[in-house]
Amino acid sequence: MKTIRVAAAIIRAVNERGEPVIFATQRGYGEFKGGWEFPGGKIEEGETPQEALKREIMEELDTEIAVGGLVDTIEYDYPDFHLSLKCFWAEIISGNLVLKEHQDARWLGREELDSVEWLPADVELIEKLKGIISPLIEKKMIYRDENVK
């Protein structure tokens, strides 16, 4: 079975109510059109996952990001291929998250993570994120490091 290596950005921010939120996109093309995912894309030959992520977010969202720590690596078997998905924390450096390839996007808080239909490979990650995203303390976003690989 063919393996596809992909990197995804869990872009984090704080909403107008001071709550931590993460950025999700709705796929606008292909077999999985309409499914929700974290933005990112294929890791090209000779690229690190972090380099691929910076390139893909610039291409797809016209936004420069800083890539943080690895949250998780998801290994998932779709019917026609195996997906190896490396998921990293990310923050916006510059840009306005322009949707070039996605049909929709949302900032989701912890309680809203189940409000969209995630692609199958992302479901396991969503459950993990629910345990990582903590309430704000002193208006700073806090992520419990013991839950991050």
N, C-alpha and C. Protein backbone atom coordinates (compact mmCIF):
# COMPACT_ATOMS: atom_id res chain seq x y z
N MET A 1 0.84 -1.18 0.00
CA MET A 1 0.00 0.00 0.00
C MET A 1 0.89 1.25 0.00
N LYS A 2 0.54 2.20 -0.82
CA LYS A 2 1.30 3.45 -0.92
C LYS A 2 1.16 4.27 0.36
N THR A 3 2.28 4.84 0.83
CA THR A 3 2.26 5.72 2.00
C THR A 3 2.41 7.16 1.54
N ILE A 4 1.54 8.02 2.05
CA ILE A 4 1.62 9.45 1.78
C ILE A 4 2.01 10.15 3.07
N ARG A 5 3.12 10.88 3.02
CA ARG A 5 3.63 11.61 4.19
C ARG A 5 3.12 13.05 4.13
N VAL A 6 2.45 13.48 5.20
CA VAL A 6 1.81 14.79 5.23
C VAL A 6 2.13 15.49 6.55
N ALA A 7 2.21 16.82 6.51
CA ALA A 7 2.36 17.63 7.72
C ALA A 7 1.13 18.52 7.83
N ALA A 8 0.63 18.71 9.06
CA ALA A 8 -0.54 19.55 9.30
C ALA A 8 -0.24 20.56 10.40
N ALA A 9 -0.81 21.76 10.23
CA ALA A 9 -0.62 22.85 11.20
C ALA A 9 -1.85 22.99 12.08
N ILE A 10 -1.63 22.91 13.37
CA ILE A 10 -2.70 23.23 14.32
C ILE A 10 -2.42 24.67 14.73
N ILE A 11 -3.01 25.59 13.95
CA ILE A 11 -2.76 27.02 14.16
C ILE A 11 -3.59 27.49 15.35
N ARG A 12 -2.93 28.06 16.33
CA ARG A 12 -3.63 28.45 17.55
C ARG A 12 -3.64 29.96 17.71
N ALA A 13 -4.66 30.42 18.38
CA ALA A 13 -4.82 31.84 18.65
C ALA A 13 -5.75 31.98 19.86
N VAL A 14 -6.10 33.22 20.16
CA VAL A 14 -7.04 33.51 21.24
C VAL A 14 -8.18 34.32 20.63
N ASN A 15 -9.42 33.92 20.90
CA ASN A 15 -10.56 34.64 20.32
C ASN A 15 -10.88 35.91 21.11
N GLU A 16 -11.93 36.61 20.65
CA GLU A 16 -12.30 37.90 21.27
C GLU A 16 -12.77 37.75 22.72
N ARG A 17 -13.13 36.53 23.13
CA ARG A 17 -13.53 36.28 24.52
C ARG A 17 -12.36 35.82 25.38
N GLY A 18 -11.15 35.82 24.78
CA GLY A 18 -9.97 35.41 25.52
C GLY A 18 -9.81 33.91 25.65
N GLU A 19 -10.48 33.14 24.80
CA GLU A 19 -10.43 31.69 24.85
C GLU A 19 -9.50 31.15 23.76
N PRO A 20 -8.80 30.04 24.05
CA PRO A 20 -7.94 29.45 23.01
C PRO A 20 -8.78 28.84 21.90
N VAL A 21 -8.36 29.05 20.66
CA VAL A 21 -9.03 28.50 19.49
C VAL A 21 -7.99 27.95 18.52
N ILE A 22 -8.43 27.01 17.69
CA ILE A 22 -7.56 26.45 16.66
C ILE A 22 -8.27 26.56 15.32
N PHE A 23 -7.48 26.65 14.26
CA PHE A 23 -7.98 26.91 12.92
C PHE A 23 -8.19 25.60 12.16
N ALA A 24 -9.41 25.41 11.66
CA ALA A 24 -9.75 24.22 10.88
C ALA A 24 -10.21 24.64 9.50
N THR A 25 -9.93 23.81 8.50
CA THR A 25 -10.33 24.12 7.12
C THR A 25 -11.18 22.99 6.56
N GLN A 26 -12.09 23.38 5.67
CA GLN A 26 -12.93 22.40 4.98
C GLN A 26 -12.35 22.18 3.59
N ARG A 27 -12.04 20.95 3.30
CA ARG A 27 -11.40 20.60 2.04
C ARG A 27 -12.28 21.00 0.86
N GLY A 28 -11.67 21.63 -0.15
CA GLY A 28 -12.42 22.15 -1.28
C GLY A 28 -12.24 21.39 -2.57
N TYR A 29 -11.61 20.23 -2.52
CA TYR A 29 -11.30 19.48 -3.75
C TYR A 29 -11.08 18.01 -3.44
N GLY A 30 -11.11 17.18 -4.47
CA GLY A 30 -10.71 15.78 -4.37
C GLY A 30 -11.73 14.86 -3.72
N GLU A 31 -11.25 13.67 -3.47
CA GLU A 31 -12.09 12.59 -2.92
C GLU A 31 -12.70 12.97 -1.57
N PHE A 32 -12.00 13.75 -0.78
CA PHE A 32 -12.46 14.08 0.56
C PHE A 32 -13.04 15.49 0.66
N LYS A 33 -13.48 16.03 -0.47
CA LYS A 33 -14.07 17.37 -0.51
C LYS A 33 -15.19 17.47 0.51
N GLY A 34 -15.19 18.57 1.25
CA GLY A 34 -16.22 18.82 2.26
C GLY A 34 -15.84 18.38 3.66
N GLY A 35 -14.83 17.51 3.77
CA GLY A 35 -14.37 17.06 5.09
C GLY A 35 -13.50 18.13 5.74
N TRP A 36 -13.48 18.15 7.05
CA TRP A 36 -12.70 19.14 7.80
C TRP A 36 -11.37 18.55 8.21
N GLU A 37 -10.35 19.41 8.18
CA GLU A 37 -8.99 18.99 8.48
C GLU A 37 -8.19 20.18 8.97
N PHE A 38 -6.97 19.90 9.42
CA PHE A 38 -6.03 20.97 9.71
C PHE A 38 -5.24 21.23 8.44
N PRO A 39 -4.98 22.49 8.12
CA PRO A 39 -4.29 22.80 6.87
C PRO A 39 -2.87 22.25 6.85
N GLY A 40 -2.41 21.95 5.65
CA GLY A 40 -1.07 21.42 5.47
C GLY A 40 -1.00 20.71 4.14
N GLY A 41 -0.07 19.76 4.03
CA GLY A 41 0.04 19.05 2.77
C GLY A 41 1.20 18.08 2.75
N LYS A 42 1.45 17.55 1.56
CA LYS A 42 2.46 16.52 1.37
C LYS A 42 3.87 17.04 1.66
N ILE A 43 4.66 16.16 2.25
CA ILE A 43 6.06 16.43 2.49
C ILE A 43 6.82 15.98 1.24
N GLU A 44 7.47 16.91 0.56
CA GLU A 44 8.20 16.60 -0.67
C GLU A 44 9.56 16.00 -0.34
N GLU A 45 10.12 15.30 -1.31
CA GLU A 45 11.45 14.71 -1.18
C GLU A 45 12.46 15.79 -0.78
N GLY A 46 13.25 15.52 0.25
CA GLY A 46 14.28 16.45 0.69
C GLY A 46 13.79 17.52 1.66
N GLU A 47 12.50 17.56 1.95
CA GLU A 47 11.94 18.55 2.89
C GLU A 47 11.76 17.93 4.27
N THR A 48 11.94 18.76 5.30
CA THR A 48 11.54 18.34 6.63
C THR A 48 10.03 18.58 6.73
N PRO A 49 9.36 17.94 7.67
CA PRO A 49 7.93 18.21 7.85
C PRO A 49 7.66 19.70 8.13
N GLN A 50 8.53 20.33 8.89
CA GLN A 50 8.36 21.74 9.22
C GLN A 50 8.49 22.63 7.98
N GLU A 51 9.46 22.32 7.12
CA GLU A 51 9.62 23.08 5.87
C GLU A 51 8.39 22.90 4.98
N ALA A 52 7.92 21.67 4.89
CA ALA A 52 6.73 21.39 4.08
C ALA A 52 5.53 22.18 4.60
N LEU A 53 5.40 22.23 5.90
CA LEU A 53 4.27 22.93 6.50
C LEU A 53 4.30 24.43 6.21
N LYS A 54 5.46 25.04 6.35
CA LYS A 54 5.59 26.47 6.04
C LYS A 54 5.26 26.73 4.57
N ARG A 55 5.76 25.88 3.68
CA ARG A 55 5.50 26.03 2.25
C ARG A 55 4.02 25.87 1.94
N GLU A 56 3.42 24.81 2.46
CA GLU A 56 2.02 24.51 2.17
C GLU A 56 1.08 25.60 2.70
N ILE A 57 1.33 26.11 3.89
CA ILE A 57 0.45 27.14 4.46
C ILE A 57 0.57 28.44 3.66
N MET A 58 1.77 28.74 3.18
CA MET A 58 1.93 29.92 2.32
C MET A 58 1.18 29.71 1.01
N GLU A 59 1.30 28.52 0.41
CA GLU A 59 0.63 28.23 -0.86
C GLU A 59 -0.89 28.21 -0.71
N GLU A 60 -1.40 27.56 0.32
CA GLU A 60 -2.84 27.36 0.48
C GLU A 60 -3.56 28.54 1.13
N LEU A 61 -2.87 29.24 2.03
CA LEU A 61 -3.53 30.26 2.84
C LEU A 61 -2.86 31.64 2.78
N ASP A 62 -1.82 31.77 1.98
CA ASP A 62 -1.13 33.04 1.82
C ASP A 62 -0.72 33.63 3.18
N THR A 63 -0.23 32.74 4.06
CA THR A 63 0.09 33.13 5.42
C THR A 63 1.42 32.50 5.84
N GLU A 64 2.24 33.29 6.51
CA GLU A 64 3.50 32.79 7.05
C GLU A 64 3.26 32.35 8.49
N ILE A 65 3.76 31.16 8.81
CA ILE A 65 3.59 30.63 10.16
C ILE A 65 4.93 30.31 10.81
N ALA A 66 4.91 30.27 12.13
CA ALA A 66 6.01 29.71 12.91
C ALA A 66 5.55 28.32 13.32
N VAL A 67 6.37 27.32 13.07
CA VAL A 67 6.03 25.94 13.41
C VAL A 67 6.60 25.63 14.78
N GLY A 68 5.72 25.15 15.66
CA GLY A 68 6.12 24.78 17.02
C GLY A 68 6.35 23.29 17.15
N GLY A 69 6.08 22.79 18.34
CA GLY A 69 6.34 21.39 18.64
C GLY A 69 5.39 20.41 17.98
N LEU A 70 5.86 19.18 17.86
CA LEU A 70 5.06 18.10 17.32
C LEU A 70 3.99 17.72 18.34
N VAL A 71 2.74 17.72 17.93
CA VAL A 71 1.63 17.34 18.80
C VAL A 71 1.44 15.84 18.76
N ASP A 72 1.43 15.29 17.55
CA ASP A 72 1.20 13.85 17.39
C ASP A 72 1.54 13.44 15.96
N THR A 73 1.79 12.16 15.78
CA THR A 73 1.91 11.56 14.46
C THR A 73 0.79 10.55 14.34
N ILE A 74 -0.07 10.74 13.36
CA ILE A 74 -1.20 9.85 13.14
C ILE A 74 -0.86 8.92 11.98
N GLU A 75 -1.04 7.64 12.19
CA GLU A 75 -0.87 6.64 11.14
C GLU A 75 -2.27 6.09 10.86
N TYR A 76 -2.75 6.28 9.61
CA TYR A 76 -4.13 5.90 9.30
C TYR A 76 -4.20 5.24 7.93
N ASP A 77 -4.93 4.12 7.88
CA ASP A 77 -5.11 3.40 6.62
C ASP A 77 -6.44 3.78 5.98
N TYR A 78 -6.36 4.49 4.86
CA TYR A 78 -7.52 4.72 4.01
C TYR A 78 -7.60 3.53 3.06
N PRO A 79 -8.71 3.34 2.34
CA PRO A 79 -8.82 2.17 1.45
C PRO A 79 -7.70 2.07 0.41
N ASP A 80 -7.23 3.20 -0.12
CA ASP A 80 -6.27 3.17 -1.22
C ASP A 80 -4.85 3.58 -0.86
N PHE A 81 -4.63 4.04 0.37
CA PHE A 81 -3.29 4.48 0.76
C PHE A 81 -3.17 4.54 2.28
N HIS A 82 -1.93 4.56 2.75
CA HIS A 82 -1.63 4.76 4.18
C HIS A 82 -1.20 6.20 4.36
N LEU A 83 -1.78 6.89 5.33
CA LEU A 83 -1.44 8.27 5.62
C LEU A 83 -0.57 8.34 6.87
N SER A 84 0.58 8.98 6.76
CA SER A 84 1.43 9.27 7.90
C SER A 84 1.38 10.78 8.09
N LEU A 85 0.67 11.22 9.13
CA LEU A 85 0.34 12.62 9.34
C LEU A 85 1.05 13.17 10.58
N LYS A 86 1.99 14.09 10.36
CA LYS A 86 2.70 14.75 11.46
C LYS A 86 2.00 16.08 11.74
N CYS A 87 1.52 16.25 12.97
CA CYS A 87 0.73 17.42 13.35
C CYS A 87 1.53 18.30 14.32
N PHE A 88 1.69 19.57 13.94
CA PHE A 88 2.50 20.51 14.71
C PHE A 88 1.66 21.70 15.17
N TRP A 89 1.99 22.22 16.34
CA TRP A 89 1.45 23.53 16.74
C TRP A 89 2.01 24.56 15.78
N ALA A 90 1.24 25.59 15.51
CA ALA A 90 1.72 26.68 14.66
C ALA A 90 1.05 27.98 15.08
N GLU A 91 1.72 29.08 14.80
CA GLU A 91 1.17 30.41 15.07
C GLU A 91 1.43 31.28 13.85
N ILE A 92 0.54 32.22 13.62
CA ILE A 92 0.65 33.12 12.48
C ILE A 92 1.73 34.16 12.74
N ILE A 93 2.62 34.33 11.76
CA ILE A 93 3.61 35.40 11.80
C ILE A 93 3.07 36.60 11.01
N SER A 94 2.59 36.32 9.79
CA SER A 94 2.00 37.37 8.96
C SER A 94 1.03 36.75 7.96
N GLY A 95 0.06 37.56 7.53
CA GLY A 95 -0.93 37.08 6.58
C GLY A 95 -2.31 37.03 7.19
N ASN A 96 -3.30 36.78 6.33
CA ASN A 96 -4.70 36.82 6.77
C ASN A 96 -5.47 35.54 6.51
N LEU A 97 -4.80 34.41 6.36
CA LEU A 97 -5.44 33.12 6.14
C LEU A 97 -6.46 33.19 5.00
N VAL A 98 -5.96 33.50 3.81
CA VAL A 98 -6.78 33.59 2.60
C VAL A 98 -7.06 32.17 2.09
N LEU A 99 -8.33 31.81 1.92
CA LEU A 99 -8.69 30.47 1.45
C LEU A 99 -8.50 30.35 -0.05
N LYS A 100 -7.41 29.69 -0.47
CA LYS A 100 -7.13 29.50 -1.89
C LYS A 100 -7.59 28.14 -2.38
N GLU A 101 -7.57 27.14 -1.52
CA GLU A 101 -7.91 25.77 -1.92
C GLU A 101 -9.03 25.17 -1.08
N HIS A 102 -9.40 25.82 -0.01
CA HIS A 102 -10.44 25.31 0.89
C HIS A 102 -11.75 26.03 0.64
N GLN A 103 -12.87 25.35 0.94
CA GLN A 103 -14.16 25.99 0.72
C GLN A 103 -14.66 26.74 1.94
N ASP A 104 -14.12 26.44 3.12
CA ASP A 104 -14.54 27.13 4.33
C ASP A 104 -13.45 26.96 5.38
N ALA A 105 -13.54 27.76 6.43
CA ALA A 105 -12.61 27.65 7.55
C ALA A 105 -13.31 28.21 8.79
N ARG A 106 -12.88 27.73 9.94
CA ARG A 106 -13.44 28.20 11.21
C ARG A 106 -12.38 28.16 12.30
N TRP A 107 -12.49 29.10 13.21
CA TRP A 107 -11.73 29.05 14.45
C TRP A 107 -12.61 28.30 15.44
N LEU A 108 -12.09 27.21 16.01
CA LEU A 108 -12.87 26.37 16.91
C LEU A 108 -12.26 26.34 18.31
N GLY A 109 -13.12 26.55 19.30
CA GLY A 109 -12.72 26.37 20.69
C GLY A 109 -12.88 24.90 21.07
N ARG A 110 -12.43 24.58 22.26
CA ARG A 110 -12.48 23.20 22.74
C ARG A 110 -13.89 22.60 22.63
N GLU A 111 -14.89 23.37 23.02
CA GLU A 111 -16.27 22.88 23.02
C GLU A 111 -16.86 22.80 21.61
N GLU A 112 -16.19 23.38 20.62
CA GLU A 112 -16.71 23.39 19.25
C GLU A 112 -16.03 22.36 18.35
N LEU A 113 -15.08 21.62 18.88
CA LEU A 113 -14.31 20.69 18.04
C LEU A 113 -15.19 19.63 17.38
N ASP A 114 -16.30 19.28 18.00
CA ASP A 114 -17.20 18.28 17.42
C ASP A 114 -18.26 18.89 16.51
N SER A 115 -18.18 20.18 16.24
CA SER A 115 -19.21 20.85 15.45
C SER A 115 -19.01 20.71 13.94
N VAL A 116 -17.90 20.12 13.54
CA VAL A 116 -17.63 19.91 12.11
C VAL A 116 -17.36 18.42 11.89
N GLU A 117 -17.48 17.97 10.65
CA GLU A 117 -17.23 16.58 10.33
C GLU A 117 -15.78 16.40 9.86
N TRP A 118 -14.97 15.90 10.79
CA TRP A 118 -13.54 15.73 10.53
C TRP A 118 -13.29 14.56 9.60
N LEU A 119 -12.22 14.67 8.82
CA LEU A 119 -11.78 13.54 8.01
C LEU A 119 -11.36 12.41 8.96
N PRO A 120 -11.52 11.15 8.54
CA PRO A 120 -11.26 10.02 9.45
C PRO A 120 -9.90 10.06 10.16
N ALA A 121 -8.85 10.42 9.45
CA ALA A 121 -7.52 10.43 10.08
C ALA A 121 -7.40 11.47 11.18
N ASP A 122 -8.22 12.51 11.13
CA ASP A 122 -8.14 13.60 12.11
C ASP A 122 -8.93 13.32 13.39
N VAL A 123 -9.83 12.34 13.37
CA VAL A 123 -10.72 12.09 14.51
C VAL A 123 -9.93 11.78 15.78
N GLU A 124 -8.92 10.92 15.67
CA GLU A 124 -8.10 10.56 16.84
C GLU A 124 -7.40 11.79 17.40
N LEU A 125 -6.91 12.63 16.52
CA LEU A 125 -6.22 13.85 16.94
C LEU A 125 -7.17 14.80 17.68
N ILE A 126 -8.41 14.90 17.23
CA ILE A 126 -9.39 15.77 17.86
C ILE A 126 -9.61 15.36 19.31
N GLU A 127 -9.72 14.07 19.55
CA GLU A 127 -9.90 13.59 20.92
C GLU A 127 -8.70 13.98 21.79
N LYS A 128 -7.51 13.88 21.23
CA LYS A 128 -6.31 14.26 21.97
C LYS A 128 -6.31 15.77 22.25
N LEU A 129 -6.68 16.57 21.26
CA LEU A 129 -6.68 18.03 21.43
C LEU A 129 -7.64 18.47 22.52
N LYS A 130 -8.75 17.79 22.68
CA LYS A 130 -9.72 18.14 23.73
C LYS A 130 -9.05 18.07 25.11
N GLY A 131 -8.11 17.15 25.26
CA GLY A 131 -7.42 17.03 26.54
C GLY A 131 -6.23 17.96 26.68
N ILE A 132 -5.77 18.52 25.58
CA ILE A 132 -4.59 19.40 25.62
C ILE A 132 -4.99 20.86 25.81
N ILE A 133 -6.02 21.29 25.11
CA ILE A 133 -6.40 22.70 25.17
C ILE A 133 -7.01 22.98 26.53
N SER A 134 -6.35 23.84 27.29
CA SER A 134 -6.80 24.16 28.64
C SER A 134 -7.36 25.57 28.68
N PRO A 135 -8.11 25.87 29.71
CA PRO A 135 -8.58 27.25 29.86
C PRO A 135 -7.41 28.23 29.95
N LEU A 136 -7.67 29.44 29.61
CA LEU A 136 -6.63 30.46 29.68
C LEU A 136 -6.31 30.80 31.12
N ILE A 137 -5.06 31.06 31.34
CA ILE A 137 -4.62 31.53 32.65
C ILE A 137 -3.90 32.85 32.41
N GLU A 138 -4.36 33.89 33.05
CA GLU A 138 -3.81 35.24 32.88
C GLU A 138 -3.77 35.65 31.42
N LYS A 139 -4.83 35.33 30.68
CA LYS A 139 -5.02 35.71 29.28
C LYS A 139 -3.91 35.20 28.35
N LYS A 140 -3.29 34.10 28.72
CA LYS A 140 -2.32 33.45 27.86
C LYS A 140 -2.85 32.06 27.54
N MET A 141 -2.56 31.59 26.34
CA MET A 141 -3.00 30.26 25.96
C MET A 141 -2.07 29.25 26.62
N ILE A 142 -2.65 28.30 27.30
CA ILE A 142 -1.87 27.29 28.02
C ILE A 142 -2.15 25.92 27.40
N TYR A 143 -1.11 25.18 27.10
CA TYR A 143 -1.23 23.82 26.60
C TYR A 143 -0.39 22.94 27.53
N ARG A 144 -1.03 21.96 28.08
CA ARG A 144 -0.34 21.09 29.04
C ARG A 144 0.70 20.24 28.31
N ASP A 145 1.96 20.52 28.57
CA ASP A 145 3.04 19.87 27.86
C ASP A 145 3.07 18.37 28.04
N GLU A 146 2.55 17.85 29.15
CA GLU A 146 2.60 16.42 29.35
C GLU A 146 1.76 15.65 28.33
N ASN A 147 0.86 16.33 27.64
CA ASN A 147 0.03 15.69 26.63
C ASN A 147 0.61 15.84 25.23
N VAL A 148 1.68 16.57 25.08
CA VAL A 148 2.24 16.81 23.76
C VAL A 148 3.47 15.95 23.59
N LYS A 149 3.52 15.22 22.49
CA LYS A 149 4.70 14.36 22.21
C LYS A 149 5.86 15.20 21.76
